[in-house]
Amino acid sequence: MSVSFETTDVAPAPVPVVQDGPCLGSKSRMPEFSLAGKVVCVSGAARGLGLTQAEAILEAGAKVYALDRLEEPSPEFYVIQQRALEELGTELHYRRIDVRDTELLNTAIEAIANTEGRLDGLVAAAGIQQETPALEYTAQDSNTMFEVNVTGVFMTAQAVAKQMIRFGNGGSIALIASMSGTVANRGLICPAYNASKAAVLQLGRNLAMEWGQYKIRVNTISPGYIVTAMVEQLFVQYPERRDEWPKQNMLGRLSTPNEYRGAAVFLLSDASSFMTGSDLRMDGGHAAW
């Protein structure tokens, strides 16, 4: 038995044309990483990881507004502020804001956008931590954790997105999550914190889905253990962690805030222009075992 097929000439589907990007033929080095002319807000930037990322964003050329609940930022903030003005040709400003105060948050961010005539980026790094066994956690402590780490992040992103949409230029938002949103950290008793960071991961995906139509990209960064001043104090209380924590990842060491500088610039810049709804996990392989 033979089977014959009738064939017809079908025109091939058109091949999409990829337009040359603005970087092709550029005489600058890696211009897609430049944030020159951009205005970026960084919450939790009075000190620590947020301030380190703010400095990297300044070095990439952006003007940065640091948002934090501290009455005064750390001494390092003023050093970086002076460097921005004298060496980098840009500006670092401070606005005292508690991300739980939604009315003030929206008013302050709208004022920033009005002053600058634009708003291009956000790194939402404000967050708190509390180590308490689940059986001893109070509802008030749990609510405070989620109010800052989830609702505060959500409302900050919302306030910035409203201004991005108002000016119609799109933008990029990076939410600071944690490897603790993916795994339960062995020996670290932080049920509410870990749950809050898992919520940030899911929040990022949903905001990316809703705001893509406005040319707003939303991604998350999931750091591993970072040696900060606060962690150094923790090592005084739990000295065994200084030895145990490095053994829990594939590189056998802990990270420093400086190792996350490039991540913020990458996600805010055109270098990640086709990346949204994703998590950039930087944990030394901790969660990949």
Protein backbone atom coordinates (compact mmCIF):
# COMPACT_ATOMS: atom_id res chain seq x y z
CA MET A 1 0.00 0.00 0.00
CA SER A 2 1.39 3.34 -0.99
CA VAL A 3 0.47 6.69 0.36
CA SER A 4 0.97 9.86 -1.59
CA PHE A 5 0.96 13.39 -0.25
CA GLU A 6 -0.02 16.41 -2.21
CA THR A 7 2.40 19.24 -1.68
CA THR A 8 1.79 22.91 -2.21
CA ASP A 9 4.21 25.76 -2.34
CA VAL A 10 4.01 27.62 0.96
CA ALA A 11 5.83 30.86 1.42
CA PRO A 12 8.29 30.66 4.33
CA ALA A 13 7.45 32.62 7.43
CA PRO A 14 9.22 35.98 7.53
CA VAL A 15 12.35 36.05 9.65
CA PRO A 16 12.23 38.72 12.36
CA VAL A 17 14.69 41.48 11.72
CA VAL A 18 16.94 42.26 14.65
CA GLN A 19 17.75 45.93 14.62
CA ASP A 20 21.26 47.01 15.43
CA GLY A 21 21.40 48.09 19.04
CA PRO A 22 22.80 51.44 20.16
CA CYS A 23 25.92 49.68 21.47
CA LEU A 24 27.05 48.22 18.15
CA GLY A 25 29.95 50.21 16.81
CA SER A 26 30.23 52.23 20.00
CA LYS A 27 33.65 53.54 20.95
CA SER A 28 32.79 53.22 24.64
CA ARG A 29 33.58 50.11 26.61
CA MET A 30 30.47 48.10 27.48
CA PRO A 31 28.10 51.09 27.13
CA GLU A 32 25.09 48.91 27.89
CA PHE A 33 26.16 48.95 31.55
CA SER A 34 26.06 52.74 31.71
CA LEU A 35 23.45 54.44 33.90
CA ALA A 36 24.44 57.95 32.85
CA GLY A 37 21.51 60.35 33.05
CA LYS A 38 19.38 57.92 35.05
CA VAL A 39 17.72 58.60 38.39
CA VAL A 40 17.59 55.68 40.81
CA CYS A 41 16.13 55.17 44.28
CA VAL A 42 17.75 52.71 46.70
CA SER A 43 15.85 51.84 49.88
CA GLY A 44 17.78 50.70 52.92
CA ALA A 45 20.80 52.62 51.64
CA ALA A 46 21.91 54.46 54.77
CA ARG A 47 24.46 51.71 55.36
CA GLY A 48 25.38 48.10 54.57
CA LEU A 49 24.47 46.35 51.33
CA GLY A 50 22.11 49.11 50.19
CA LEU A 51 24.81 51.77 50.48
CA THR A 52 27.35 49.58 48.69
CA GLN A 53 24.96 49.12 45.79
CA ALA A 54 24.16 52.83 45.76
CA GLU A 55 27.87 53.58 45.31
CA ALA A 56 28.11 51.16 42.38
CA ILE A 57 25.09 52.79 40.73
CA LEU A 58 26.72 56.19 41.19
CA GLU A 59 29.90 54.89 39.56
CA ALA A 60 27.79 53.75 36.60
CA GLY A 61 26.68 57.36 36.17
CA ALA A 62 23.24 57.58 37.81
CA LYS A 63 21.97 60.10 40.32
CA VAL A 64 20.89 58.21 43.46
CA TYR A 65 18.34 58.93 46.16
CA ALA A 66 18.96 56.83 49.26
CA LEU A 67 15.86 56.04 51.32
CA ASP A 68 16.11 54.78 54.90
CA ARG A 69 14.41 55.08 58.25
CA LEU A 70 17.57 56.14 60.12
CA GLU A 71 17.56 59.75 61.30
CA GLU A 72 21.09 60.10 59.94
CA PRO A 73 22.92 57.77 57.53
CA SER A 74 26.23 56.15 58.46
CA PRO A 75 29.49 58.13 58.28
CA GLU A 76 30.42 56.16 55.14
CA PHE A 77 27.40 57.67 53.41
CA TYR A 78 28.87 61.17 53.56
CA VAL A 79 32.20 59.97 52.22
CA ILE A 80 30.45 58.43 49.21
CA GLN A 81 28.26 61.52 48.81
CA GLN A 82 31.34 63.72 48.58
CA ARG A 83 33.01 61.30 46.17
CA ALA A 84 29.93 61.31 43.93
CA LEU A 85 30.08 65.08 43.65
CA GLU A 86 33.83 65.55 43.28
CA GLU A 87 34.98 62.43 41.41
CA LEU A 88 31.97 60.93 39.67
CA GLY A 89 30.14 64.05 38.53
CA THR A 90 26.82 62.94 39.94
CA GLU A 91 24.83 63.23 43.19
CA LEU A 92 23.80 61.15 46.18
CA HIS A 93 20.85 62.41 48.23
CA TYR A 94 19.25 61.13 51.44
CA ARG A 95 15.57 60.98 52.29
CA ARG A 96 14.45 59.70 55.67
CA ILE A 97 11.57 57.35 54.98
CA ASP A 98 10.13 54.34 56.80
CA VAL A 99 8.78 52.04 54.08
CA ARG A 100 5.84 51.23 56.35
CA ASP A 101 4.62 54.83 56.01
CA THR A 102 2.97 54.45 52.63
CA GLU A 103 1.66 58.02 52.44
CA LEU A 104 5.08 59.55 53.08
CA LEU A 105 6.70 57.00 50.76
CA ASN A 106 4.48 57.97 47.83
CA THR A 107 4.81 61.69 48.53
CA ALA A 108 8.61 61.54 48.74
CA ILE A 109 9.07 59.44 45.61
CA GLU A 110 6.68 61.63 43.64
CA ALA A 111 8.65 64.68 44.78
CA ILE A 112 11.90 63.06 43.61
CA ALA A 113 10.38 62.30 40.21
CA ASN A 114 9.03 65.84 39.91
CA THR A 115 12.39 67.36 40.82
CA GLU A 116 14.31 65.22 38.33
CA GLY A 117 11.66 65.00 35.63
CA ARG A 118 12.09 61.22 35.53
CA LEU A 119 12.61 58.08 37.61
CA ASP A 120 14.41 55.14 36.04
CA GLY A 121 15.28 52.57 38.66
CA LEU A 122 14.85 51.12 42.12
CA VAL A 123 16.84 48.80 44.32
CA ALA A 124 14.59 47.77 47.21
CA ALA A 125 17.09 46.72 49.88
CA ALA A 126 15.25 47.75 53.06
CA GLY A 127 14.64 44.79 55.33
CA ILE A 128 14.88 43.45 58.88
CA GLN A 129 15.91 40.13 60.41
CA GLN A 130 14.89 38.32 63.59
CA GLU A 131 16.13 34.96 64.79
CA THR A 132 13.46 33.34 66.95
CA PRO A 133 12.16 29.73 67.10
CA ALA A 134 8.77 29.27 65.48
CA LEU A 135 7.18 28.14 68.74
CA GLU A 136 8.22 31.41 70.40
CA TYR A 137 7.41 33.85 67.59
CA THR A 138 4.71 36.39 68.46
CA ALA A 139 2.08 37.57 66.02
CA GLN A 140 3.30 41.14 66.47
CA ASP A 141 6.89 40.23 65.57
CA SER A 142 5.70 38.23 62.58
CA ASN A 143 3.49 41.07 61.36
CA THR A 144 6.37 43.55 61.71
CA MET A 145 8.64 41.27 59.69
CA PHE A 146 6.16 41.01 56.82
CA GLU A 147 5.21 44.68 57.05
CA VAL A 148 8.80 45.72 56.34
CA ASN A 149 10.15 42.87 54.20
CA VAL A 150 7.11 42.24 52.02
CA THR A 151 4.56 45.07 52.22
CA GLY A 152 7.30 47.69 52.48
CA VAL A 153 9.09 46.30 49.43
CA PHE A 154 5.78 46.04 47.56
CA MET A 155 4.72 49.61 48.34
CA THR A 156 8.16 51.00 47.47
CA ALA A 157 8.08 49.25 44.10
CA GLN A 158 4.53 50.43 43.54
CA ALA A 159 5.39 54.06 44.33
CA VAL A 160 8.33 54.00 41.92
CA ALA A 161 6.36 52.19 39.19
CA LYS A 162 3.63 54.84 39.33
CA GLN A 163 6.19 57.51 38.49
CA MET A 164 7.78 55.39 35.76
CA ILE A 165 4.37 54.94 34.18
CA ARG A 166 3.58 58.66 34.56
CA PHE A 167 6.70 59.67 32.63
CA GLY A 168 6.29 56.81 30.14
CA ASN A 169 9.97 55.87 29.94
CA GLY A 170 9.76 52.49 31.64
CA GLY A 171 12.50 51.44 34.01
CA SER A 172 14.01 48.61 36.01
CA ILE A 173 13.32 47.45 39.56
CA ALA A 174 15.52 45.08 41.57
CA LEU A 175 14.13 43.61 44.79
CA ILE A 176 16.57 42.20 47.33
CA ALA A 177 15.41 38.71 48.24
CA SER A 178 17.70 36.04 49.70
CA MET A 179 18.82 32.46 49.24
CA SER A 180 16.69 32.03 52.39
CA GLY A 181 13.65 32.43 50.15
CA THR A 182 14.68 29.26 48.33
CA VAL A 183 16.03 27.04 51.13
CA ALA A 184 15.68 26.63 54.88
CA ASN A 185 19.08 27.65 56.23
CA ARG A 186 20.51 24.86 58.34
CA GLY A 187 20.85 26.00 61.95
CA LEU A 188 19.44 29.47 61.31
CA ILE A 189 16.09 29.76 63.08
CA CYS A 190 14.34 32.48 61.09
CA PRO A 191 10.93 31.16 59.97
CA ALA A 192 9.29 34.54 59.37
CA TYR A 193 12.32 36.07 57.66
CA ASN A 194 12.72 33.12 55.29
CA ALA A 195 9.01 33.18 54.50
CA SER A 196 9.19 36.92 53.82
CA LYS A 197 12.04 36.45 51.33
CA ALA A 198 10.14 33.68 49.54
CA ALA A 199 7.29 36.18 49.24
CA VAL A 200 9.66 38.73 47.67
CA LEU A 201 10.63 36.19 45.00
CA GLN A 202 6.99 35.59 44.10
CA LEU A 203 6.20 39.31 44.32
CA GLY A 204 8.94 40.05 41.80
CA ARG A 205 7.55 37.57 39.29
CA ASN A 206 4.02 38.96 39.59
CA LEU A 207 5.07 42.60 39.30
CA ALA A 208 7.13 41.70 36.23
CA MET A 209 4.04 40.11 34.68
CA GLU A 210 1.81 43.12 35.35
CA TRP A 211 4.24 45.92 34.56
CA GLY A 212 5.95 44.57 31.48
CA GLN A 213 3.35 46.33 29.37
CA TYR A 214 4.73 49.63 30.71
CA LYS A 215 8.33 48.72 29.80
CA ILE A 216 9.12 48.15 33.46
CA ARG A 217 11.35 45.19 34.25
CA VAL A 218 11.28 43.59 37.72
CA ASN A 219 13.89 41.11 38.94
CA THR A 220 15.20 39.90 42.29
CA ILE A 221 18.65 39.35 43.76
CA SER A 222 19.15 36.49 46.22
CA PRO A 223 22.39 36.96 48.18
CA GLY A 224 24.01 34.28 50.29
CA TYR A 225 25.62 34.93 53.65
CA ILE A 226 27.23 38.38 53.66
CA VAL A 227 29.82 39.49 56.21
CA THR A 228 28.53 42.85 57.41
CA ALA A 229 29.01 44.68 60.71
CA MET A 230 25.75 43.14 61.92
CA VAL A 231 26.92 39.62 61.02
CA GLU A 232 30.24 40.22 62.77
CA GLN A 233 28.27 41.00 65.92
CA LEU A 234 26.31 37.79 65.38
CA PHE A 235 29.57 35.83 65.23
CA VAL A 236 30.42 37.15 68.70
CA GLN A 237 27.19 35.63 69.99
CA TYR A 238 27.48 32.45 67.89
CA PRO A 239 31.23 31.95 67.21
CA GLU A 240 30.69 28.50 65.70
CA ARG A 241 28.90 30.06 62.71
CA ARG A 242 32.10 31.74 61.52
CA ASP A 243 33.47 28.26 60.83
CA GLU A 244 30.28 26.43 59.87
CA TRP A 245 28.67 28.84 57.40
CA PRO A 246 31.52 28.80 54.85
CA LYS A 247 31.31 25.00 54.73
CA GLN A 248 27.71 25.18 53.55
CA ASN A 249 28.45 26.55 50.08
CA MET A 250 30.57 25.38 47.15
CA LEU A 251 33.17 28.13 47.41
CA GLY A 252 33.93 27.50 51.06
CA ARG A 253 33.76 31.14 52.13
CA LEU A 254 31.34 33.94 52.92
CA SER A 255 30.63 36.92 50.68
CA THR A 256 31.21 40.64 51.16
CA PRO A 257 28.85 43.48 50.18
CA ASN A 258 31.19 44.51 47.36
CA GLU A 259 30.52 41.25 45.55
CA TYR A 260 26.94 42.37 44.81
CA ARG A 261 27.85 45.71 43.24
CA GLY A 262 27.78 44.42 39.69
CA ALA A 263 24.43 42.71 40.14
CA ALA A 264 22.61 45.97 40.85
CA VAL A 265 24.21 47.76 37.90
CA PHE A 266 23.50 44.81 35.61
CA LEU A 267 19.81 44.62 36.50
CA LEU A 268 19.22 48.37 36.29
CA SER A 269 21.07 48.84 33.01
CA ASP A 270 20.44 47.86 29.40
CA ALA A 271 22.84 44.96 29.91
CA SER A 272 19.80 43.04 31.21
CA SER A 273 17.25 44.59 28.82
CA PHE A 274 15.55 41.25 28.04
CA MET A 275 15.55 39.99 31.63
CA THR A 276 12.47 40.26 33.80
CA GLY A 277 10.64 38.05 36.27
CA SER A 278 13.94 36.35 37.13
CA ASP A 279 15.97 35.77 40.26
CA LEU A 280 19.72 36.35 40.31
CA ARG A 281 20.85 33.97 43.03
CA MET A 282 24.37 34.75 44.27
CA ASP A 283 24.98 32.36 47.14
CA GLY A 284 28.26 30.61 46.37
CA GLY A 285 26.27 27.56 45.32
CA HIS A 286 24.64 27.20 48.75
CA ALA A 287 21.23 26.29 47.32
CA ALA A 288 22.62 24.13 44.50
CA TRP A 289 23.82 21.17 46.53
